Amino acid sequence: MADAKNKPSLSTETIVDKKLANETAGLNKDLAKLSLNMAVVKDLKKIVDKQSSEITKINDNIVTINENLDGIKNIMEQQLRWQQWSFVLANNSEVPVALISFKYRIGEDLEEISSAGLVTEILQSFASGCGHYLPDNAYIVCWHNNKKEARKAFRTGIKSQVKKMIGHEPRLEKGSDGRYAIYYT
């Protein structure tokens, strides 16, 4: 009889088996849901990765657009300068650099000359596709004590004024004859 007490009845075993079967079925359903959720997570990750890639492409396109806009801006600024030049050249008037011009002398001549006229001549040469020789022995008036430095200051000043008009650094070259010429590029 002692054995009969410890031994479960058939109905208890059946109940336990049914409970285990139900719990197993529930776990299987949960596993199926989990597998489905994992698949959804993987799909979402793919979507996020694709969107991230698209965002990177869009950012690259924005950078390209900004670069293109900068290029267009530079072209428009250059066109405006060319229009100003055309007006000046068509009207045989002086380039409006009087506000930034300086006085210079040539050699021993005491006459002071405005740099605005020379800049106009240089721009006319550029418009014709040529360079322009700078006057020999020209120097800035306030530097007359040191002629070498005064001549260098003259060339630097002219180059600076031309740069303001054309939007980039012109090229200044000393020829084999010792004369300086200024070129658009």
Foldseek 3Di string as FASTA:
>chain_A
DVVVVPDDDPVVVVVVVVVVVVVVVVVVVVVVVVVVVVVVVVVVVVVVVVVVVVVVVVVVVVVVVVVVVVVVVVVVVQVVLVVLLVVCVVVVHWRPCQVLWAWKDADPDPDTDTCRRVLNVQSVQVVVVHKAWDGPQIFGPVPVVDSVVRVVVVVVSSQVSNCVSNVHGWDWDQDPVRIIITYRD
